[in-house]
Amino acid sequence: MIKIVAKATVKEGKREEFIRVVQPMIAGSQAEEENISYNLFEDLDDKNTLTFIEEWKDLAAIDTHNNSAHFQAGVSAISDLIEGIEIRKYQLIG
């Protein structure tokens, strides 16, 4: 299993728009056969830090996801709404 933690810093005043435009990407990702979980979380100390926490069966599933129409549309939709994004991939040990 692979876990992805993608932490986005949303521009001031763009939080609600960000949450709205990522909903189709979240729903599409959750519907993918190889997806285990895909959710958006907010930082309790900074409401403009929104983090996707995802679990995928394997790296091939992530490749398929990254090339999906809903993911590509989501990435495009948020590009002007964020100051930056940090993406980390983790593999389960054991």
C-alpha atoms as a PDB file:
ATOM      1  CA  MET A   1       0.000   0.000   0.000  1.00  0.00           C
ATOM      2  CA  ILE A   2       1.137   3.524  -0.838  1.00  0.00           C
ATOM      3  CA  LYS A   3       0.026   6.600   1.083  1.00  0.00           C
ATOM      4  CA  ILE A   4       0.235  10.109  -0.368  1.00  0.00           C
ATOM      5  CA  VAL A   5       0.145  13.226   1.771  1.00  0.00           C
ATOM      6  CA  ALA A   6      -0.307  16.342  -0.388  1.00  0.00           C
ATOM      7  CA  LYS A   7      -0.312  19.518   1.724  1.00  0.00           C
ATOM      8  CA  ALA A   8      -1.538  22.639  -0.079  1.00  0.00           C
ATOM      9  CA  THR A   9      -1.190  26.191   1.151  1.00  0.00           C
ATOM     10  CA  VAL A  10      -4.257  27.971  -0.174  1.00  0.00           C
ATOM     11  CA  LYS A  11      -4.118  31.674  -1.014  1.00  0.00           C
ATOM     12  CA  GLU A  12      -5.896  34.022   1.357  1.00  0.00           C
ATOM     13  CA  GLY A  13      -9.581  34.277   0.475  1.00  0.00           C
ATOM     14  CA  LYS A  14      -9.505  31.222  -1.830  1.00  0.00           C
ATOM     15  CA  ARG A  15     -10.226  28.444   0.706  1.00  0.00           C
ATOM     16  CA  GLU A  16     -13.927  27.983  -0.052  1.00  0.00           C
ATOM     17  CA  GLU A  17     -13.333  28.037  -3.811  1.00  0.00           C
ATOM     18  CA  PHE A  18     -10.552  25.466  -3.418  1.00  0.00           C
ATOM     19  CA  ILE A  19     -12.828  23.137  -1.442  1.00  0.00           C
ATOM     20  CA  ARG A  20     -15.595  23.543  -4.019  1.00  0.00           C
ATOM     21  CA  VAL A  21     -13.465  22.901  -7.112  1.00  0.00           C
ATOM     22  CA  VAL A  22     -11.750  19.782  -5.700  1.00  0.00           C
ATOM     23  CA  GLN A  23     -15.018  17.956  -4.954  1.00  0.00           C
ATOM     24  CA  PRO A  24     -15.224  16.292  -8.415  1.00  0.00           C
ATOM     25  CA  MET A  25     -11.580  15.211  -8.117  1.00  0.00           C
ATOM     26  CA  ILE A  26     -12.210  13.713  -4.673  1.00  0.00           C
ATOM     27  CA  ALA A  27     -15.345  11.846  -5.822  1.00  0.00           C
ATOM     28  CA  GLY A  28     -13.634  10.576  -8.972  1.00  0.00           C
ATOM     29  CA  SER A  29     -10.580   9.442  -7.044  1.00  0.00           C
ATOM     30  CA  GLN A  30     -12.644   7.628  -4.418  1.00  0.00           C
ATOM     31  CA  ALA A  31     -14.434   5.778  -7.232  1.00  0.00           C
ATOM     32  CA  GLU A  32     -11.190   4.459  -8.735  1.00  0.00           C
ATOM     33  CA  GLU A  33     -10.913   0.688  -8.382  1.00  0.00           C
ATOM     34  CA  GLU A  34      -7.403   0.739  -6.906  1.00  0.00           C
ATOM     35  CA  ASN A  35      -8.125   3.544  -4.414  1.00  0.00           C
ATOM     36  CA  ILE A  36      -8.293   2.601  -0.738  1.00  0.00           C
ATOM     37  CA  SER A  37      -9.094   6.092   0.593  1.00  0.00           C
ATOM     38  CA  TYR A  38      -8.926   9.691  -0.611  1.00  0.00           C
ATOM     39  CA  ASN A  39      -9.924  12.571   1.655  1.00  0.00           C
ATOM     40  CA  LEU A  40      -9.271  16.264   2.236  1.00  0.00           C
ATOM     41  CA  PHE A  41      -8.350  17.489   5.723  1.00  0.00           C
ATOM     42  CA  GLU A  42      -7.894  20.968   7.146  1.00  0.00           C
ATOM     43  CA  ASP A  43      -5.135  21.954   9.536  1.00  0.00           C
ATOM     44  CA  LEU A  44      -6.645  22.794  12.932  1.00  0.00           C
ATOM     45  CA  ASP A  45      -4.164  25.639  13.434  1.00  0.00           C
ATOM     46  CA  ASP A  46      -4.208  27.102   9.900  1.00  0.00           C
ATOM     47  CA  LYS A  47      -7.464  26.920   7.926  1.00  0.00           C
ATOM     48  CA  ASN A  48      -5.578  27.756   4.703  1.00  0.00           C
ATOM     49  CA  THR A  49      -3.535  24.560   4.930  1.00  0.00           C
ATOM     50  CA  LEU A  50      -5.576  21.790   3.305  1.00  0.00           C
ATOM     51  CA  THR A  51      -4.158  18.298   2.958  1.00  0.00           C
ATOM     52  CA  PHE A  52      -5.149  15.387   0.775  1.00  0.00           C
ATOM     53  CA  ILE A  53      -4.417  12.058   2.453  1.00  0.00           C
ATOM     54  CA  GLU A  54      -4.688   9.196  -0.001  1.00  0.00           C
ATOM     55  CA  GLU A  55      -4.122   5.445   0.070  1.00  0.00           C
ATOM     56  CA  TRP A  56      -3.548   3.432  -3.090  1.00  0.00           C
ATOM     57  CA  LYS A  57      -3.006  -0.250  -3.780  1.00  0.00           C
ATOM     58  CA  ASP A  58       0.365   0.288  -5.494  1.00  0.00           C
ATOM     59  CA  LEU A  59       2.440   2.651  -7.654  1.00  0.00           C
ATOM     60  CA  ALA A  60       0.665   1.533 -10.824  1.00  0.00           C
ATOM     61  CA  ALA A  61      -2.636   2.678  -9.309  1.00  0.00           C
ATOM     62  CA  ILE A  62      -1.104   6.102  -8.667  1.00  0.00           C
ATOM     63  CA  ASP A  63       0.106   6.321 -12.263  1.00  0.00           C
ATOM     64  CA  THR A  64      -3.406   5.542 -13.487  1.00  0.00           C
ATOM     65  CA  HIS A  65      -4.844   8.113 -11.082  1.00  0.00           C
ATOM     66  CA  ASN A  66      -2.376  10.819 -12.117  1.00  0.00           C
ATOM     67  CA  ASN A  67      -3.428  10.376 -15.750  1.00  0.00           C
ATOM     68  CA  SER A  68      -7.180  10.378 -15.043  1.00  0.00           C
ATOM     69  CA  ALA A  69      -9.372  13.170 -16.385  1.00  0.00           C
ATOM     70  CA  HIS A  70     -10.754  14.068 -12.944  1.00  0.00           C
ATOM     71  CA  PHE A  71      -7.253  14.389 -11.458  1.00  0.00           C
ATOM     72  CA  GLN A  72      -5.917  16.468 -14.353  1.00  0.00           C
ATOM     73  CA  ALA A  73      -8.966  18.754 -14.161  1.00  0.00           C
ATOM     74  CA  GLY A  74      -8.545  19.131 -10.393  1.00  0.00           C
ATOM     75  CA  VAL A  75      -4.869  20.025 -10.646  1.00  0.00           C
ATOM     76  CA  SER A  76      -5.683  22.610 -13.292  1.00  0.00           C
ATOM     77  CA  ALA A  77      -8.553  24.046 -11.223  1.00  0.00           C
ATOM     78  CA  ILE A  78      -6.413  24.631  -8.111  1.00  0.00           C
ATOM     79  CA  SER A  79      -3.271  25.959  -9.774  1.00  0.00           C
ATOM     80  CA  ASP A  80      -4.278  29.615  -9.316  1.00  0.00           C
ATOM     81  CA  LEU A  81      -5.747  29.041  -5.853  1.00  0.00           C
ATOM     82  CA  ILE A  82      -2.625  27.813  -4.052  1.00  0.00           C
ATOM     83  CA  GLU A  83       0.658  29.320  -2.989  1.00  0.00           C
ATOM     84  CA  GLY A  84       2.294  25.908  -3.099  1.00  0.00           C
ATOM     85  CA  ILE A  85       1.880  22.209  -2.494  1.00  0.00           C
ATOM     86  CA  GLU A  86       4.148  19.640  -0.855  1.00  0.00           C
ATOM     87  CA  ILE A  87       3.603  16.038  -1.945  1.00  0.00           C
ATOM     88  CA  ARG A  88       5.096  13.065  -0.108  1.00  0.00           C
ATOM     89  CA  LYS A  89       4.675   9.359  -0.886  1.00  0.00           C
ATOM     90  CA  TYR A  90       4.977   6.689   1.781  1.00  0.00           C
ATOM     91  CA  GLN A  91       5.105   2.922   1.600  1.00  0.00           C
ATOM     92  CA  LEU A  92       3.785   0.720   4.368  1.00  0.00           C
ATOM     93  CA  ILE A  93       6.510  -1.264   6.148  1.00  0.00           C
ATOM     94  CA  GLY A  94       5.724  -4.759   7.228  1.00  0.00           C
END
